[in-house]
Amino acid sequence: MKLSERAQVLVIISILLPILFLFIGMVIDLTLILIEKQELNRLADAASKTGLIVVGDQISTFIWEVRTTTTPAVAQTQLISEGTQTPFPSNDDYFNRINDSHRATLVAPPVQTLVAAQVRDTVKEYELISNHPSYISMEIIYPYQYKPANRNLQIYLRLTCSGNSLFGFLPDLKNGEISVESIQSIRQR
């Protein structure tokens, strides 16, 4: 190999090596951002579901009250010719017996406060476990797009955190922030 050929190889390598390192850095950076976004998505889903646990407890209480205060005709013990009892009504029957005042309680400010507190506590607990105190904002809307005639109650949660990136121009990273949304629902009718 001649000296001029060696010089050409050296020039090509000196140009391509930084480009290769830049490309590898971007791939690693994008991977870290996608992992962070996936974790944030899981957290948003889990936190909004824990908020709905409060609503589910209220619904269970209402169903229990309906079961204990009213005895539907289907649930009365009747012996059939074979000596078996009639089955108890399904939960669908009890959802139909929950009245509008019960449903109004599910969206009242005290329940909204309990739902929001449960969601906040879940996010804060995750911050402590993961040592990830970079959350910038959290938006909780319960009930989300509520209409009394809707079959389901929904909760909306948006979490935004600072993204640690070497390259701020990567996709899914706007102003150095990663944002995810979660909408979960629970049946009320």
C-alpha atoms as a PDB file:
ATOM      1  CA  MET A   1       0.000   0.000   0.000  1.00  0.00           C
ATOM      2  CA  LYS A   2       1.406   3.324  -1.033  1.00  0.00           C
ATOM      3  CA  LEU A   3       1.710   6.320   1.205  1.00  0.00           C
ATOM      4  CA  SER A   4      -0.977   8.223  -0.731  1.00  0.00           C
ATOM      5  CA  GLU A   5      -3.409   5.318  -0.344  1.00  0.00           C
ATOM      6  CA  ARG A   6      -2.743   5.203   3.408  1.00  0.00           C
ATOM      7  CA  ALA A   7      -3.402   8.916   3.638  1.00  0.00           C
ATOM      8  CA  GLN A   8      -6.686   8.522   1.769  1.00  0.00           C
ATOM      9  CA  VAL A   9      -7.796   5.727   4.126  1.00  0.00           C
ATOM     10  CA  LEU A  10      -6.829   7.856   7.122  1.00  0.00           C
ATOM     11  CA  VAL A  11      -8.870  10.806   5.809  1.00  0.00           C
ATOM     12  CA  ILE A  12     -11.892   8.615   5.088  1.00  0.00           C
ATOM     13  CA  ILE A  13     -11.729   6.994   8.536  1.00  0.00           C
ATOM     14  CA  SER A  14     -11.298  10.363  10.258  1.00  0.00           C
ATOM     15  CA  ILE A  15     -14.444  11.607   8.505  1.00  0.00           C
ATOM     16  CA  LEU A  16     -16.568   8.462   8.955  1.00  0.00           C
ATOM     17  CA  LEU A  17     -15.624   7.712  12.583  1.00  0.00           C
ATOM     18  CA  PRO A  18     -17.320  10.808  14.111  1.00  0.00           C
ATOM     19  CA  ILE A  19     -20.365  10.214  11.902  1.00  0.00           C
ATOM     20  CA  LEU A  20     -20.496   6.594  13.101  1.00  0.00           C
ATOM     21  CA  PHE A  21     -20.225   7.694  16.762  1.00  0.00           C
ATOM     22  CA  LEU A  22     -22.948  10.296  16.215  1.00  0.00           C
ATOM     23  CA  PHE A  23     -25.225   7.676  14.673  1.00  0.00           C
ATOM     24  CA  ILE A  24     -24.577   5.203  17.518  1.00  0.00           C
ATOM     25  CA  GLY A  25     -25.240   7.962  20.068  1.00  0.00           C
ATOM     26  CA  MET A  26     -28.546   8.842  18.407  1.00  0.00           C
ATOM     27  CA  VAL A  27     -29.648   5.188  18.369  1.00  0.00           C
ATOM     28  CA  ILE A  28     -28.819   4.812  22.070  1.00  0.00           C
ATOM     29  CA  ASP A  29     -30.534   8.122  22.852  1.00  0.00           C
ATOM     30  CA  LEU A  30     -33.678   7.193  20.935  1.00  0.00           C
ATOM     31  CA  THR A  31     -33.775   3.808  22.660  1.00  0.00           C
ATOM     32  CA  LEU A  32     -33.526   5.438  26.086  1.00  0.00           C
ATOM     33  CA  ILE A  33     -36.303   7.881  25.214  1.00  0.00           C
ATOM     34  CA  LEU A  34     -38.569   5.087  23.970  1.00  0.00           C
ATOM     35  CA  ILE A  35     -37.939   3.088  27.146  1.00  0.00           C
ATOM     36  CA  GLU A  36     -38.709   6.182  29.240  1.00  0.00           C
ATOM     37  CA  LYS A  37     -41.912   6.780  27.279  1.00  0.00           C
ATOM     38  CA  GLN A  38     -42.966   3.143  27.712  1.00  0.00           C
ATOM     39  CA  GLU A  39     -42.364   3.365  31.474  1.00  0.00           C
ATOM     40  CA  LEU A  40     -44.308   6.603  31.622  1.00  0.00           C
ATOM     41  CA  ASN A  41     -47.162   5.010  29.657  1.00  0.00           C
ATOM     42  CA  ARG A  42     -47.306   2.100  32.085  1.00  0.00           C
ATOM     43  CA  LEU A  43     -47.286   4.493  35.019  1.00  0.00           C
ATOM     44  CA  ALA A  44     -50.108   6.584  33.516  1.00  0.00           C
ATOM     45  CA  ASP A  45     -52.227   3.474  32.889  1.00  0.00           C
ATOM     46  CA  ALA A  46     -51.584   2.081  36.361  1.00  0.00           C
ATOM     47  CA  ALA A  47     -52.227   5.408  38.097  1.00  0.00           C
ATOM     48  CA  SER A  48     -55.486   6.033  36.251  1.00  0.00           C
ATOM     49  CA  LYS A  49     -56.641   2.480  37.009  1.00  0.00           C
ATOM     50  CA  THR A  50     -55.908   2.972  40.712  1.00  0.00           C
ATOM     51  CA  GLY A  51     -58.025   6.114  40.566  1.00  0.00           C
ATOM     52  CA  LEU A  52     -60.865   4.060  39.157  1.00  0.00           C
ATOM     53  CA  ILE A  53     -60.556   1.621  42.061  1.00  0.00           C
ATOM     54  CA  VAL A  54     -62.065   4.366  44.234  1.00  0.00           C
ATOM     55  CA  VAL A  55     -65.009   4.603  41.827  1.00  0.00           C
ATOM     56  CA  GLY A  56     -65.315   0.810  41.722  1.00  0.00           C
ATOM     57  CA  ASP A  57     -65.482   0.712  45.517  1.00  0.00           C
ATOM     58  CA  GLN A  58     -68.330   3.230  45.436  1.00  0.00           C
ATOM     59  CA  ILE A  59     -70.169   1.215  42.778  1.00  0.00           C
ATOM     60  CA  SER A  60     -69.680  -1.973  44.829  1.00  0.00           C
ATOM     61  CA  THR A  61     -71.125  -0.198  47.855  1.00  0.00           C
ATOM     62  CA  PHE A  62     -74.176   0.872  45.857  1.00  0.00           C
ATOM     63  CA  ILE A  63     -74.660  -2.631  44.468  1.00  0.00           C
ATOM     64  CA  TRP A  64     -74.382  -4.067  47.981  1.00  0.00           C
ATOM     65  CA  GLU A  65     -76.966  -1.570  49.227  1.00  0.00           C
ATOM     66  CA  VAL A  66     -79.290  -2.510  46.381  1.00  0.00           C
ATOM     67  CA  ARG A  67     -78.814  -6.226  47.075  1.00  0.00           C
ATOM     68  CA  THR A  68     -79.517  -5.881  50.779  1.00  0.00           C
ATOM     69  CA  THR A  69     -82.401  -3.400  50.635  1.00  0.00           C
ATOM     70  CA  THR A  70     -84.343  -4.829  47.713  1.00  0.00           C
ATOM     71  CA  THR A  71     -85.046  -8.441  46.987  1.00  0.00           C
ATOM     72  CA  PRO A  72     -85.712  -8.917  43.296  1.00  0.00           C
ATOM     73  CA  ALA A  73     -88.359 -11.458  42.400  1.00  0.00           C
ATOM     74  CA  VAL A  74     -85.767 -13.541  40.584  1.00  0.00           C
ATOM     75  CA  ALA A  75     -83.606 -13.745  43.700  1.00  0.00           C
ATOM     76  CA  GLN A  76     -86.329 -15.046  45.978  1.00  0.00           C
ATOM     77  CA  THR A  77     -85.810 -18.630  46.902  1.00  0.00           C
ATOM     78  CA  GLN A  78     -88.255 -20.736  44.986  1.00  0.00           C
ATOM     79  CA  LEU A  79     -88.087 -24.444  44.646  1.00  0.00           C
ATOM     80  CA  ILE A  80     -88.524 -25.818  41.186  1.00  0.00           C
ATOM     81  CA  SER A  81     -89.892 -29.312  40.594  1.00  0.00           C
ATOM     82  CA  GLU A  82     -86.346 -30.780  40.586  1.00  0.00           C
ATOM     83  CA  GLY A  83     -85.647 -29.212  43.965  1.00  0.00           C
ATOM     84  CA  THR A  84     -83.135 -26.605  42.751  1.00  0.00           C
ATOM     85  CA  GLN A  85     -83.213 -22.908  43.565  1.00  0.00           C
ATOM     86  CA  THR A  86     -83.604 -20.140  41.038  1.00  0.00           C
ATOM     87  CA  PRO A  87     -80.341 -18.354  40.247  1.00  0.00           C
ATOM     88  CA  PHE A  88     -79.560 -14.952  41.679  1.00  0.00           C
ATOM     89  CA  PRO A  89     -79.709 -12.090  39.215  1.00  0.00           C
ATOM     90  CA  SER A  90     -76.570 -11.107  37.371  1.00  0.00           C
ATOM     91  CA  ASN A  91     -74.665  -7.901  38.055  1.00  0.00           C
ATOM     92  CA  ASP A  92     -76.336  -6.389  34.977  1.00  0.00           C
ATOM     93  CA  ASP A  93     -79.623  -6.515  36.893  1.00  0.00           C
ATOM     94  CA  TYR A  94     -78.061  -4.626  39.798  1.00  0.00           C
ATOM     95  CA  PHE A  95     -76.520  -1.975  37.538  1.00  0.00           C
ATOM     96  CA  ASN A  96     -80.050  -1.300  36.319  1.00  0.00           C
ATOM     97  CA  ARG A  97     -81.216  -0.838  39.912  1.00  0.00           C
ATOM     98  CA  ILE A  98     -78.576   1.801  40.758  1.00  0.00           C
ATOM     99  CA  ASN A  99     -80.423   5.082  40.562  1.00  0.00           C
ATOM    100  CA  ASP A 100     -79.373   8.503  39.320  1.00  0.00           C
ATOM    101  CA  SER A 101     -78.607   9.797  42.811  1.00  0.00           C
ATOM    102  CA  HIS A 102     -76.065   6.960  43.153  1.00  0.00           C
ATOM    103  CA  ARG A 103     -74.556   7.946  39.806  1.00  0.00           C
ATOM    104  CA  ALA A 104     -74.458  11.607  40.830  1.00  0.00           C
ATOM    105  CA  THR A 105     -72.455  10.567  43.899  1.00  0.00           C
ATOM    106  CA  LEU A 106     -69.886   8.882  41.648  1.00  0.00           C
ATOM    107  CA  VAL A 107     -69.049  12.206  39.982  1.00  0.00           C
ATOM    108  CA  ALA A 108     -69.469  14.467  43.020  1.00  0.00           C
ATOM    109  CA  PRO A 109     -66.509  16.606  44.167  1.00  0.00           C
ATOM    110  CA  PRO A 110     -65.628  14.398  47.169  1.00  0.00           C
ATOM    111  CA  VAL A 111     -65.198  11.361  44.909  1.00  0.00           C
ATOM    112  CA  GLN A 112     -63.306  13.481  42.373  1.00  0.00           C
ATOM    113  CA  THR A 113     -60.917  14.516  45.139  1.00  0.00           C
ATOM    114  CA  LEU A 114     -60.436  10.902  46.263  1.00  0.00           C
ATOM    115  CA  VAL A 115     -59.752   9.781  42.691  1.00  0.00           C
ATOM    116  CA  ALA A 116     -57.235  12.575  42.095  1.00  0.00           C
ATOM    117  CA  ALA A 117     -55.495  11.873  45.420  1.00  0.00           C
ATOM    118  CA  GLN A 118     -55.220   8.171  44.599  1.00  0.00           C
ATOM    119  CA  VAL A 119     -53.713   8.939  41.184  1.00  0.00           C
ATOM    120  CA  ARG A 120     -51.248  11.465  42.668  1.00  0.00           C
ATOM    121  CA  ASP A 121     -50.204   9.010  45.381  1.00  0.00           C
ATOM    122  CA  THR A 122     -49.518   6.306  42.804  1.00  0.00           C
ATOM    123  CA  VAL A 123     -47.330   8.626  40.733  1.00  0.00           C
ATOM    124  CA  LYS A 124     -45.462   9.881  43.815  1.00  0.00           C
ATOM    125  CA  GLU A 125     -44.910   6.312  45.005  1.00  0.00           C
ATOM    126  CA  TYR A 126     -43.377   5.465  41.631  1.00  0.00           C
ATOM    127  CA  GLU A 127     -41.096   8.501  41.873  1.00  0.00           C
ATOM    128  CA  LEU A 128     -39.796   7.288  45.241  1.00  0.00           C
ATOM    129  CA  ILE A 129     -39.276   3.704  44.073  1.00  0.00           C
ATOM    130  CA  SER A 130     -37.553   4.578  40.796  1.00  0.00           C
ATOM    131  CA  ASN A 131     -35.606   7.627  42.020  1.00  0.00           C
ATOM    132  CA  HIS A 132     -37.049   9.481  39.043  1.00  0.00           C
ATOM    133  CA  PRO A 133     -38.078  12.920  40.334  1.00  0.00           C
ATOM    134  CA  SER A 134     -38.227  14.541  36.923  1.00  0.00           C
ATOM    135  CA  TYR A 135     -42.000  14.824  36.533  1.00  0.00           C
ATOM    136  CA  ILE A 136     -42.986  18.269  35.396  1.00  0.00           C
ATOM    137  CA  SER A 137     -46.757  18.076  35.335  1.00  0.00           C
ATOM    138  CA  MET A 138     -49.747  15.842  35.824  1.00  0.00           C
ATOM    139  CA  GLU A 139     -53.252  16.542  34.559  1.00  0.00           C
ATOM    140  CA  ILE A 140     -56.152  14.508  35.933  1.00  0.00           C
ATOM    141  CA  ILE A 141     -59.694  14.861  34.623  1.00  0.00           C
ATOM    142  CA  TYR A 142     -62.376  12.814  36.328  1.00  0.00           C
ATOM    143  CA  PRO A 143     -65.048  12.356  35.125  1.00  0.00           C
ATOM    144  CA  TYR A 144     -63.754  12.781  31.582  1.00  0.00           C
ATOM    145  CA  GLN A 145     -66.335  13.687  28.913  1.00  0.00           C
ATOM    146  CA  TYR A 146     -69.113  12.870  31.359  1.00  0.00           C
ATOM    147  CA  LYS A 147     -72.760  12.624  30.390  1.00  0.00           C
ATOM    148  CA  PRO A 148     -75.242  11.044  32.822  1.00  0.00           C
ATOM    149  CA  ALA A 149     -76.547   8.704  30.125  1.00  0.00           C
ATOM    150  CA  ASN A 150     -73.083   7.275  29.322  1.00  0.00           C
ATOM    151  CA  ARG A 151     -72.541   3.620  30.085  1.00  0.00           C
ATOM    152  CA  ASN A 152     -69.002   4.191  31.407  1.00  0.00           C
ATOM    153  CA  LEU A 153     -67.200   6.711  33.582  1.00  0.00           C
ATOM    154  CA  GLN A 154     -63.795   7.726  32.277  1.00  0.00           C
ATOM    155  CA  ILE A 155     -60.638   9.155  33.770  1.00  0.00           C
ATOM    156  CA  TYR A 156     -58.052  11.065  31.748  1.00  0.00           C
ATOM    157  CA  LEU A 157     -54.445  11.373  32.893  1.00  0.00           C
ATOM    158  CA  ARG A 158     -51.582  13.156  31.167  1.00  0.00           C
ATOM    159  CA  LEU A 159     -48.079  12.901  32.586  1.00  0.00           C
ATOM    160  CA  THR A 160     -45.193  15.000  31.387  1.00  0.00           C
ATOM    161  CA  CYS A 161     -41.600  14.481  32.433  1.00  0.00           C
ATOM    162  CA  SER A 162     -38.262  15.879  31.414  1.00  0.00           C
ATOM    163  CA  GLY A 163     -36.463  13.731  28.911  1.00  0.00           C
ATOM    164  CA  ASN A 164     -32.768  13.147  29.272  1.00  0.00           C
ATOM    165  CA  SER A 165     -31.450  13.370  25.757  1.00  0.00           C
ATOM    166  CA  LEU A 166     -28.162  14.199  24.141  1.00  0.00           C
ATOM    167  CA  PHE A 167     -29.977  15.273  21.009  1.00  0.00           C
ATOM    168  CA  GLY A 168     -33.054  17.419  21.586  1.00  0.00           C
ATOM    169  CA  PHE A 169     -34.296  17.092  18.025  1.00  0.00           C
ATOM    170  CA  LEU A 170     -35.238  13.428  18.317  1.00  0.00           C
ATOM    171  CA  PRO A 171     -38.877  12.392  17.773  1.00  0.00           C
ATOM    172  CA  ASP A 172     -41.175  12.175  20.816  1.00  0.00           C
ATOM    173  CA  LEU A 173     -39.112  14.822  22.582  1.00  0.00           C
ATOM    174  CA  LYS A 174     -40.606  18.304  22.434  1.00  0.00           C
ATOM    175  CA  ASN A 175     -38.887  21.034  24.428  1.00  0.00           C
ATOM    176  CA  GLY A 176     -36.977  18.355  26.330  1.00  0.00           C
ATOM    177  CA  GLU A 177     -40.227  16.779  27.592  1.00  0.00           C
ATOM    178  CA  ILE A 178     -41.917  13.421  27.135  1.00  0.00           C
ATOM    179  CA  SER A 179     -45.695  13.417  27.483  1.00  0.00           C
ATOM    180  CA  VAL A 180     -48.131  10.486  27.609  1.00  0.00           C
ATOM    181  CA  GLU A 181     -51.899  10.240  28.002  1.00  0.00           C
ATOM    182  CA  SER A 182     -54.113   7.519  29.424  1.00  0.00           C
ATOM    183  CA  ILE A 183     -57.893   7.183  29.313  1.00  0.00           C
ATOM    184  CA  GLN A 184     -59.421   4.402  31.398  1.00  0.00           C
ATOM    185  CA  SER A 185     -63.074   3.647  31.988  1.00  0.00           C
ATOM    186  CA  ILE A 186     -65.318   1.784  34.400  1.00  0.00           C
ATOM    187  CA  ARG A 187     -68.897   0.734  33.865  1.00  0.00           C
ATOM    188  CA  GLN A 188     -71.624   2.690  35.659  1.00  0.00           C
ATOM    189  CA  ARG A 189     -74.727   1.420  33.842  1.00  0.00           C
END
